[in-house]
Amino acid sequence: MKFMPAILFLCLCALQAAAQQVVSGKISNETGQPIAGCSVFISNTVRGTSSAADGSFRLSDFPSGKHDLVISAVGYETRVYTVSENLLPMTLQVVMKIKVKELENVTVEPSGGRNLGRMG
């Protein structure tokens, strides 16, 4: 029984340390509008989440060591942050930039008018 306070103290310290392994934040576009549904994951692991309707995300149980945190969304450039466990807990404000992709020119020419009834 005299070891019970020491065991309780160690359990509380372990819980406190585990609670600190969190990366959270908010994702928005360049005009400040939140982006819902962004993928937020730790590279080369199965740990990940997605941003809520208000752009917020929370990723708990971040593994020890240094890892790349990848944030991606359709139509936006992918962002990568290197996160180390000694920087946790961490709160990020992520601004996603629109991915601009210019397509090559396309030339449309008439086919000549024959057999137009067969096309379609």
N, C-alpha and C. Protein backbone atom coordinates (compact mmCIF):
# COMPACT_ATOMS: atom_id res chain seq x y z
N MET A 1 0.80 -1.20 0.00
CA MET A 1 0.00 0.00 0.00
C MET A 1 0.85 1.27 0.00
N LYS A 2 2.06 1.21 0.57
CA LYS A 2 2.86 2.41 0.62
C LYS A 2 3.40 2.80 -0.77
N PHE A 3 3.34 1.88 -1.73
CA PHE A 3 3.78 2.20 -3.09
C PHE A 3 2.66 2.77 -3.96
N MET A 4 1.45 2.74 -3.47
CA MET A 4 0.30 3.20 -4.24
C MET A 4 0.44 4.66 -4.69
N PRO A 5 0.84 5.61 -3.86
CA PRO A 5 1.00 6.99 -4.33
C PRO A 5 2.06 7.11 -5.44
N ALA A 6 3.14 6.35 -5.33
CA ALA A 6 4.18 6.41 -6.36
C ALA A 6 3.67 5.85 -7.68
N ILE A 7 2.92 4.76 -7.62
CA ILE A 7 2.36 4.17 -8.84
C ILE A 7 1.35 5.11 -9.48
N LEU A 8 0.52 5.73 -8.65
CA LEU A 8 -0.46 6.69 -9.16
C LEU A 8 0.24 7.87 -9.82
N PHE A 9 1.30 8.36 -9.22
CA PHE A 9 2.06 9.47 -9.78
C PHE A 9 2.66 9.11 -11.14
N LEU A 10 3.23 7.91 -11.24
CA LEU A 10 3.81 7.46 -12.51
C LEU A 10 2.75 7.32 -13.59
N CYS A 11 1.57 6.83 -13.23
CA CYS A 11 0.47 6.71 -14.20
C CYS A 11 0.03 8.08 -14.70
N LEU A 12 -0.07 9.03 -13.80
CA LEU A 12 -0.46 10.39 -14.19
C LEU A 12 0.59 11.03 -15.09
N CYS A 13 1.86 10.79 -14.81
CA CYS A 13 2.93 11.33 -15.66
C CYS A 13 2.87 10.71 -17.05
N ALA A 14 2.60 9.42 -17.13
CA ALA A 14 2.49 8.75 -18.43
C ALA A 14 1.30 9.30 -19.22
N LEU A 15 0.18 9.53 -18.54
CA LEU A 15 -0.98 10.09 -19.22
C LEU A 15 -0.70 11.50 -19.71
N GLN A 16 -0.01 12.29 -18.92
CA GLN A 16 0.33 13.65 -19.31
C GLN A 16 1.26 13.64 -20.52
N ALA A 17 2.23 12.75 -20.55
CA ALA A 17 3.15 12.67 -21.68
C ALA A 17 2.42 12.24 -22.94
N ALA A 18 1.50 11.30 -22.82
CA ALA A 18 0.74 10.84 -23.98
C ALA A 18 -0.18 11.94 -24.50
N ALA A 19 -0.70 12.76 -23.62
CA ALA A 19 -1.61 13.83 -24.03
C ALA A 19 -0.87 14.92 -24.81
N GLN A 20 0.42 15.01 -24.66
CA GLN A 20 1.20 16.05 -25.32
C GLN A 20 1.55 15.71 -26.77
N GLN A 21 1.34 14.49 -27.22
CA GLN A 21 1.72 14.05 -28.55
C GLN A 21 0.63 14.41 -29.57
N VAL A 22 0.31 15.68 -29.69
CA VAL A 22 -0.80 16.13 -30.52
C VAL A 22 -0.35 17.23 -31.48
N VAL A 23 -0.81 17.11 -32.73
CA VAL A 23 -0.67 18.18 -33.71
C VAL A 23 -2.09 18.58 -34.09
N SER A 24 -2.39 19.85 -33.97
CA SER A 24 -3.72 20.33 -34.32
C SER A 24 -3.57 21.62 -35.11
N GLY A 25 -4.68 22.11 -35.65
CA GLY A 25 -4.59 23.35 -36.38
C GLY A 25 -5.82 23.64 -37.19
N LYS A 26 -5.70 24.63 -38.05
CA LYS A 26 -6.80 25.05 -38.90
C LYS A 26 -6.25 25.27 -40.31
N ILE A 27 -7.01 24.81 -41.30
CA ILE A 27 -6.60 24.91 -42.70
C ILE A 27 -7.54 25.87 -43.42
N SER A 28 -6.96 26.82 -44.13
CA SER A 28 -7.77 27.78 -44.88
C SER A 28 -7.12 28.05 -46.23
N ASN A 29 -7.87 28.72 -47.11
CA ASN A 29 -7.30 29.11 -48.40
C ASN A 29 -6.68 30.50 -48.26
N GLU A 30 -6.23 31.04 -49.37
CA GLU A 30 -5.52 32.33 -49.33
C GLU A 30 -6.42 33.50 -48.95
N THR A 31 -7.74 33.33 -49.06
CA THR A 31 -8.65 34.40 -48.66
C THR A 31 -9.15 34.22 -47.22
N GLY A 32 -8.67 33.17 -46.55
CA GLY A 32 -9.06 32.94 -45.16
C GLY A 32 -10.25 32.03 -44.96
N GLN A 33 -10.84 31.53 -46.05
CA GLN A 33 -11.98 30.63 -45.95
C GLN A 33 -11.50 29.24 -45.52
N PRO A 34 -12.16 28.61 -44.55
CA PRO A 34 -11.74 27.26 -44.13
C PRO A 34 -11.94 26.25 -45.24
N ILE A 35 -11.08 25.24 -45.26
CA ILE A 35 -11.17 24.17 -46.25
C ILE A 35 -11.50 22.88 -45.53
N ALA A 36 -12.67 22.33 -45.83
CA ALA A 36 -13.09 21.06 -45.23
C ALA A 36 -12.60 19.90 -46.08
N GLY A 37 -12.35 18.77 -45.44
CA GLY A 37 -12.01 17.54 -46.15
C GLY A 37 -10.56 17.42 -46.59
N CYS A 38 -9.68 18.24 -46.07
CA CYS A 38 -8.26 18.09 -46.39
C CYS A 38 -7.72 16.83 -45.72
N SER A 39 -6.86 16.12 -46.41
CA SER A 39 -6.19 14.96 -45.82
C SER A 39 -5.00 15.45 -45.01
N VAL A 40 -4.91 15.00 -43.78
CA VAL A 40 -3.80 15.34 -42.90
C VAL A 40 -3.25 14.01 -42.38
N PHE A 41 -2.01 13.67 -42.76
CA PHE A 41 -1.48 12.37 -42.36
C PHE A 41 0.02 12.44 -42.15
N ILE A 42 0.52 11.46 -41.41
CA ILE A 42 1.95 11.34 -41.16
C ILE A 42 2.50 10.42 -42.25
N SER A 43 3.46 10.91 -42.99
CA SER A 43 4.03 10.17 -44.11
C SER A 43 4.58 8.81 -43.65
N ASN A 44 4.35 7.79 -44.46
CA ASN A 44 4.83 6.42 -44.22
C ASN A 44 4.25 5.78 -42.97
N THR A 45 3.06 6.21 -42.56
CA THR A 45 2.34 5.58 -41.46
C THR A 45 0.88 5.44 -41.87
N VAL A 46 0.09 4.85 -41.00
CA VAL A 46 -1.35 4.75 -41.24
C VAL A 46 -2.12 5.78 -40.41
N ARG A 47 -1.41 6.69 -39.77
CA ARG A 47 -2.05 7.70 -38.93
C ARG A 47 -2.43 8.92 -39.75
N GLY A 48 -3.69 9.30 -39.64
CA GLY A 48 -4.15 10.46 -40.37
C GLY A 48 -5.56 10.85 -39.98
N THR A 49 -6.00 11.97 -40.52
CA THR A 49 -7.33 12.48 -40.26
C THR A 49 -7.72 13.40 -41.42
N SER A 50 -8.87 14.03 -41.33
CA SER A 50 -9.26 15.03 -42.32
C SER A 50 -9.81 16.25 -41.60
N SER A 51 -9.76 17.37 -42.28
CA SER A 51 -10.21 18.61 -41.65
C SER A 51 -11.73 18.68 -41.62
N ALA A 52 -12.24 19.30 -40.58
CA ALA A 52 -13.69 19.44 -40.36
C ALA A 52 -14.22 20.60 -41.23
N ALA A 53 -15.52 20.85 -41.13
CA ALA A 53 -16.16 21.90 -41.91
C ALA A 53 -15.55 23.28 -41.64
N ASP A 54 -15.05 23.49 -40.43
CA ASP A 54 -14.43 24.78 -40.09
C ASP A 54 -12.93 24.80 -40.37
N GLY A 55 -12.43 23.74 -41.03
CA GLY A 55 -11.01 23.66 -41.38
C GLY A 55 -10.12 23.13 -40.29
N SER A 56 -10.67 22.81 -39.13
CA SER A 56 -9.85 22.36 -38.01
C SER A 56 -9.51 20.87 -38.13
N PHE A 57 -8.38 20.50 -37.56
CA PHE A 57 -7.98 19.09 -37.49
C PHE A 57 -7.23 18.85 -36.19
N ARG A 58 -7.18 17.58 -35.80
CA ARG A 58 -6.47 17.18 -34.58
C ARG A 58 -5.94 15.78 -34.82
N LEU A 59 -4.64 15.62 -34.69
CA LEU A 59 -3.98 14.34 -34.90
C LEU A 59 -3.27 13.95 -33.61
N SER A 60 -3.82 12.95 -32.91
CA SER A 60 -3.29 12.53 -31.62
C SER A 60 -2.32 11.37 -31.79
N ASP A 61 -1.65 11.02 -30.70
CA ASP A 61 -0.72 9.89 -30.66
C ASP A 61 0.36 10.00 -31.73
N PHE A 62 0.94 11.17 -31.86
CA PHE A 62 2.01 11.38 -32.83
C PHE A 62 3.19 10.49 -32.44
N PRO A 63 3.75 9.73 -33.37
CA PRO A 63 4.84 8.81 -33.02
C PRO A 63 6.12 9.55 -32.65
N SER A 64 6.97 8.89 -31.90
CA SER A 64 8.23 9.51 -31.49
C SER A 64 9.16 9.62 -32.70
N GLY A 65 10.08 10.56 -32.62
CA GLY A 65 11.01 10.79 -33.71
C GLY A 65 10.60 11.97 -34.57
N LYS A 66 11.22 12.07 -35.75
CA LYS A 66 10.96 13.16 -36.69
C LYS A 66 10.18 12.58 -37.87
N HIS A 67 9.06 13.23 -38.22
CA HIS A 67 8.20 12.74 -39.29
C HIS A 67 7.70 13.90 -40.14
N ASP A 68 7.30 13.56 -41.37
CA ASP A 68 6.69 14.55 -42.25
C ASP A 68 5.18 14.51 -42.10
N LEU A 69 4.60 15.66 -41.82
CA LEU A 69 3.15 15.81 -41.76
C LEU A 69 2.71 16.37 -43.11
N VAL A 70 1.86 15.61 -43.80
CA VAL A 70 1.43 15.96 -45.15
C VAL A 70 -0.01 16.44 -45.11
N ILE A 71 -0.27 17.59 -45.73
CA ILE A 71 -1.62 18.15 -45.81
C ILE A 71 -1.92 18.36 -47.29
N SER A 72 -3.01 17.72 -47.75
CA SER A 72 -3.35 17.82 -49.17
C SER A 72 -4.85 17.96 -49.35
N ALA A 73 -5.22 18.56 -50.49
CA ALA A 73 -6.63 18.72 -50.87
C ALA A 73 -6.69 18.86 -52.38
N VAL A 74 -7.77 18.39 -52.96
CA VAL A 74 -7.95 18.48 -54.40
C VAL A 74 -7.99 19.95 -54.81
N GLY A 75 -7.20 20.30 -55.80
CA GLY A 75 -7.19 21.67 -56.30
C GLY A 75 -6.21 22.58 -55.59
N TYR A 76 -5.49 22.05 -54.59
CA TYR A 76 -4.53 22.85 -53.83
C TYR A 76 -3.17 22.18 -53.84
N GLU A 77 -2.12 22.98 -53.68
CA GLU A 77 -0.77 22.45 -53.58
C GLU A 77 -0.61 21.72 -52.25
N THR A 78 0.08 20.60 -52.27
CA THR A 78 0.33 19.81 -51.06
C THR A 78 1.35 20.53 -50.19
N ARG A 79 1.08 20.55 -48.88
CA ARG A 79 2.01 21.16 -47.91
C ARG A 79 2.63 20.05 -47.07
N VAL A 80 3.91 20.16 -46.77
CA VAL A 80 4.61 19.17 -45.96
C VAL A 80 5.37 19.91 -44.86
N TYR A 81 5.15 19.48 -43.62
CA TYR A 81 5.83 20.04 -42.46
C TYR A 81 6.62 18.93 -41.78
N THR A 82 7.87 19.20 -41.43
CA THR A 82 8.65 18.24 -40.65
C THR A 82 8.39 18.52 -39.18
N VAL A 83 7.92 17.48 -38.48
CA VAL A 83 7.54 17.63 -37.08
C VAL A 83 8.36 16.65 -36.24
N SER A 84 8.92 17.14 -35.17
CA SER A 84 9.67 16.31 -34.24
C SER A 84 8.92 16.26 -32.91
N GLU A 85 9.04 15.15 -32.22
CA GLU A 85 8.29 14.98 -30.98
C GLU A 85 8.63 16.03 -29.93
N ASN A 86 9.84 16.61 -29.97
CA ASN A 86 10.20 17.62 -28.96
C ASN A 86 9.50 18.96 -29.22
N LEU A 87 8.82 19.11 -30.39
CA LEU A 87 8.08 20.33 -30.69
C LEU A 87 6.60 20.22 -30.29
N LEU A 88 6.19 19.05 -29.84
CA LEU A 88 4.78 18.80 -29.51
C LEU A 88 4.45 19.24 -28.10
N PRO A 89 3.24 19.64 -27.82
CA PRO A 89 2.11 19.79 -28.73
C PRO A 89 2.34 20.97 -29.67
N MET A 90 1.72 20.88 -30.86
CA MET A 90 1.92 21.89 -31.89
C MET A 90 0.57 22.28 -32.49
N THR A 91 0.40 23.57 -32.72
CA THR A 91 -0.80 24.08 -33.38
C THR A 91 -0.37 24.82 -34.64
N LEU A 92 -0.93 24.41 -35.77
CA LEU A 92 -0.56 24.98 -37.06
C LEU A 92 -1.69 25.82 -37.64
N GLN A 93 -1.33 26.87 -38.33
CA GLN A 93 -2.26 27.65 -39.15
C GLN A 93 -1.79 27.45 -40.58
N VAL A 94 -2.50 26.62 -41.34
CA VAL A 94 -2.07 26.23 -42.68
C VAL A 94 -2.87 27.01 -43.72
N VAL A 95 -2.16 27.65 -44.63
CA VAL A 95 -2.79 28.36 -45.74
C VAL A 95 -2.46 27.58 -47.01
N MET A 96 -3.49 27.05 -47.65
CA MET A 96 -3.32 26.26 -48.86
C MET A 96 -3.37 27.19 -50.07
N LYS A 97 -2.45 26.98 -51.01
CA LYS A 97 -2.42 27.75 -52.25
C LYS A 97 -3.09 26.95 -53.36
N ILE A 98 -3.85 27.64 -54.20
CA ILE A 98 -4.52 26.99 -55.31
C ILE A 98 -3.48 26.47 -56.29
N LYS A 99 -3.69 25.23 -56.73
CA LYS A 99 -2.79 24.62 -57.70
C LYS A 99 -3.22 25.07 -59.09
N VAL A 100 -2.32 25.76 -59.75
CA VAL A 100 -2.61 26.26 -61.09
C VAL A 100 -1.87 25.37 -62.08
N LYS A 101 -2.62 24.81 -63.00
CA LYS A 101 -2.01 23.98 -64.03
C LYS A 101 -2.53 24.45 -65.38
N GLU A 102 -1.61 24.88 -66.21
CA GLU A 102 -1.99 25.37 -67.53
C GLU A 102 -1.87 24.23 -68.52
N LEU A 103 -2.93 24.00 -69.25
CA LEU A 103 -2.93 22.96 -70.26
C LEU A 103 -2.36 23.51 -71.56
N GLU A 104 -1.85 22.59 -72.39
CA GLU A 104 -1.34 22.99 -73.69
C GLU A 104 -2.50 23.39 -74.60
N ASN A 105 -2.19 24.14 -75.63
CA ASN A 105 -3.20 24.55 -76.60
C ASN A 105 -3.77 23.34 -77.33
N VAL A 106 -5.04 23.42 -77.64
CA VAL A 106 -5.71 22.37 -78.39
C VAL A 106 -6.25 23.00 -79.67
N THR A 107 -6.01 22.34 -80.79
CA THR A 107 -6.50 22.82 -82.07
C THR A 107 -7.63 21.91 -82.53
N VAL A 108 -8.77 22.51 -82.86
CA VAL A 108 -9.92 21.76 -83.35
C VAL A 108 -10.07 22.07 -84.83
N GLU A 109 -10.09 21.00 -85.64
CA GLU A 109 -10.22 21.16 -87.08
C GLU A 109 -11.42 20.36 -87.56
N PRO A 110 -12.07 20.83 -88.62
CA PRO A 110 -13.19 20.06 -89.16
C PRO A 110 -12.70 18.77 -89.79
N SER A 111 -13.55 17.75 -89.76
CA SER A 111 -13.14 16.45 -90.28
C SER A 111 -13.41 16.29 -91.77
N GLY A 112 -14.11 17.20 -92.40
CA GLY A 112 -14.30 17.13 -93.83
C GLY A 112 -15.74 16.95 -94.26
N GLY A 113 -16.65 16.64 -93.44
CA GLY A 113 -18.05 16.57 -93.78
C GLY A 113 -18.56 15.22 -94.25
N ARG A 114 -17.72 14.29 -94.56
CA ARG A 114 -18.18 12.97 -94.98
C ARG A 114 -18.50 12.11 -93.77
N ASN A 115 -19.47 11.30 -93.93
CA ASN A 115 -19.84 10.31 -92.91
C ASN A 115 -20.18 10.93 -91.57
N LEU A 116 -20.69 12.13 -91.57
CA LEU A 116 -21.04 12.78 -90.30
C LEU A 116 -22.20 12.07 -89.64
N GLY A 117 -23.07 11.42 -90.43
CA GLY A 117 -24.19 10.69 -89.86
C GLY A 117 -23.77 9.47 -89.08
N ARG A 118 -22.63 8.94 -89.39
CA ARG A 118 -22.14 7.74 -88.69
C ARG A 118 -21.51 8.06 -87.35
N MET A 119 -21.11 9.27 -87.13
CA MET A 119 -20.44 9.64 -85.87
C MET A 119 -21.48 9.78 -84.76
N GLY A 120 -21.05 9.52 -83.58
CA GLY A 120 -21.94 9.76 -82.48
C GLY A 120 -22.10 8.62 -81.66
